[in-house]
Amino acid sequence: MEMTFRNWLSQQQSRMDRVGKLARAISTVDSSYTPSRRKNDEHKKWADIITRQGQPEHIQAFNRAWNEYQEAKDNGS
C-alpha cells in the first residue's frame, strides 16, 4: 500500500515545529476535496487545500512537509 501525504502528515502531529503545527491544523480538513477532473495530482490537491483553508504560515510549512514526504517515499519509509 502506497503511503499518502495525509497518512504521512498525520504521523507528524507530535513534532514541535511548523510541520507538526500544520499536521495538527490539517487533521480536521476534509481531504476528499478534488480541485479538477484531471488525473489525481496529490501535490496540487494538498496545495489547493492549504491555500484555501490554511493560514499563511502553513504554506511554507507545507512546502517543507511535502519535500520531507517525498524523501520518505523515495526511501521507502
C-alpha atoms as a PDB file:
ATOM      1  CA  MET A   1       0.000   0.000   0.000  1.00  0.00           C
ATOM      2  CA  GLU A   2       1.415   3.342  -1.050  1.00  0.00           C
ATOM      3  CA  MET A   3       1.917   5.989   1.608  1.00  0.00           C
ATOM      4  CA  THR A   4      -0.234   9.072   1.084  1.00  0.00           C
ATOM      5  CA  PHE A   5       0.613  12.596   2.131  1.00  0.00           C
ATOM      6  CA  ARG A   6      -2.344  12.613   4.551  1.00  0.00           C
ATOM      7  CA  ASN A   7      -1.067   9.449   6.280  1.00  0.00           C
ATOM      8  CA  TRP A   8       2.484  10.764   6.436  1.00  0.00           C
ATOM      9  CA  LEU A   9       1.332  14.149   7.733  1.00  0.00           C
ATOM     10  CA  SER A  10      -0.853  12.604  10.439  1.00  0.00           C
ATOM     11  CA  GLN A  11       2.251  10.811  11.740  1.00  0.00           C
ATOM     12  CA  GLN A  12       3.966  14.201  12.159  1.00  0.00           C
ATOM     13  CA  GLN A  13       1.474  15.666  14.664  1.00  0.00           C
ATOM     14  CA  SER A  14       3.778  15.209  17.659  1.00  0.00           C
ATOM     15  CA  ARG A  15       6.552  17.310  16.110  1.00  0.00           C
ATOM     16  CA  MET A  16       7.192  20.648  17.785  1.00  0.00           C
ATOM     17  CA  ASP A  17       7.955  22.577  14.602  1.00  0.00           C
ATOM     18  CA  ARG A  18       5.976  24.138  11.747  1.00  0.00           C
ATOM     19  CA  VAL A  19       5.336  20.778  10.093  1.00  0.00           C
ATOM     20  CA  GLY A  20       3.848  19.444  13.342  1.00  0.00           C
ATOM     21  CA  LYS A  21       1.700  22.549  13.695  1.00  0.00           C
ATOM     22  CA  LEU A  22       0.499  22.105  10.119  1.00  0.00           C
ATOM     23  CA  ALA A  23      -0.247  18.418  10.763  1.00  0.00           C
ATOM     24  CA  ARG A  24      -2.362  19.289  13.793  1.00  0.00           C
ATOM     25  CA  ALA A  25      -4.198  22.065  11.932  1.00  0.00           C
ATOM     26  CA  ILE A  26      -4.910  19.933   8.873  1.00  0.00           C
ATOM     27  CA  SER A  27      -6.017  16.855  10.821  1.00  0.00           C
ATOM     28  CA  THR A  28      -9.634  18.039  10.652  1.00  0.00           C
ATOM     29  CA  VAL A  29      -9.640  19.121   6.995  1.00  0.00           C
ATOM     30  CA  ASP A  30     -11.652  17.071   4.535  1.00  0.00           C
ATOM     31  CA  SER A  31      -9.047  15.705   2.118  1.00  0.00           C
ATOM     32  CA  SER A  32     -11.633  14.306  -0.283  1.00  0.00           C
ATOM     33  CA  TYR A  33     -11.668  17.717  -1.997  1.00  0.00           C
ATOM     34  CA  THR A  34     -10.780  17.281  -5.674  1.00  0.00           C
ATOM     35  CA  PRO A  35      -9.805  20.508  -7.472  1.00  0.00           C
ATOM     36  CA  SER A  36     -10.250  19.268 -11.041  1.00  0.00           C
ATOM     37  CA  ARG A  37     -11.211  16.338 -13.222  1.00  0.00           C
ATOM     38  CA  ARG A  38      -7.644  15.803 -14.323  1.00  0.00           C
ATOM     39  CA  LYS A  39      -5.537  12.909 -13.078  1.00  0.00           C
ATOM     40  CA  ASN A  40      -5.327  12.912  -9.294  1.00  0.00           C
ATOM     41  CA  ASP A  41      -2.325  15.114  -8.552  1.00  0.00           C
ATOM     42  CA  GLU A  42      -1.762  14.741  -4.816  1.00  0.00           C
ATOM     43  CA  HIS A  43       0.560  17.741  -4.559  1.00  0.00           C
ATOM     44  CA  LYS A  44      -1.877  20.068  -6.331  1.00  0.00           C
ATOM     45  CA  LYS A  45      -4.768  18.730  -4.281  1.00  0.00           C
ATOM     46  CA  TRP A  46      -2.983  19.463  -0.998  1.00  0.00           C
ATOM     47  CA  ALA A  47      -1.606  22.812  -2.200  1.00  0.00           C
ATOM     48  CA  ASP A  48      -5.181  23.829  -3.015  1.00  0.00           C
ATOM     49  CA  ILE A  49      -6.399  22.654   0.404  1.00  0.00           C
ATOM     50  CA  ILE A  50      -3.623  24.535   2.207  1.00  0.00           C
ATOM     51  CA  THR A  51      -4.140  27.780   0.318  1.00  0.00           C
ATOM     52  CA  ARG A  52      -7.916  27.542   0.626  1.00  0.00           C
ATOM     53  CA  GLN A  53      -8.185  26.569   4.298  1.00  0.00           C
ATOM     54  CA  GLY A  54      -4.779  27.080   5.850  1.00  0.00           C
ATOM     55  CA  GLN A  55      -3.085  30.056   7.423  1.00  0.00           C
ATOM     56  CA  PRO A  56      -0.371  31.972   5.521  1.00  0.00           C
ATOM     57  CA  GLU A  57       2.392  30.347   7.627  1.00  0.00           C
ATOM     58  CA  HIS A  58       1.064  26.927   6.620  1.00  0.00           C
ATOM     59  CA  ILE A  59       2.197  27.430   3.027  1.00  0.00           C
ATOM     60  CA  GLN A  60       5.880  27.441   3.964  1.00  0.00           C
ATOM     61  CA  ALA A  61       5.330  24.503   6.319  1.00  0.00           C
ATOM     62  CA  PHE A  62       3.528  22.627   3.531  1.00  0.00           C
ATOM     63  CA  ASN A  63       6.474  23.096   1.165  1.00  0.00           C
ATOM     64  CA  ARG A  64       8.852  21.692   3.777  1.00  0.00           C
ATOM     65  CA  ALA A  65       6.452  18.859   4.661  1.00  0.00           C
ATOM     66  CA  TRP A  66       5.973  17.914   1.011  1.00  0.00           C
ATOM     67  CA  ASN A  67       9.746  17.690   0.479  1.00  0.00           C
ATOM     68  CA  GLU A  68      10.141  15.507   3.585  1.00  0.00           C
ATOM     69  CA  TYR A  69       7.226  13.333   2.468  1.00  0.00           C
ATOM     70  CA  GLN A  70       8.803  12.837  -0.967  1.00  0.00           C
ATOM     71  CA  GLU A  71      12.111  11.841   0.656  1.00  0.00           C
ATOM     72  CA  ALA A  72      10.283   9.353   2.908  1.00  0.00           C
ATOM     73  CA  LYS A  73       8.507   7.859  -0.122  1.00  0.00           C
ATOM     74  CA  ASP A  74      11.754   7.630  -2.089  1.00  0.00           C
ATOM     75  CA  ASN A  75      13.465   5.913   0.840  1.00  0.00           C
ATOM     76  CA  GLY A  76      10.555   3.545   1.397  1.00  0.00           C
ATOM     77  CA  SER A  77       9.938   4.819   4.926  1.00  0.00           C
END
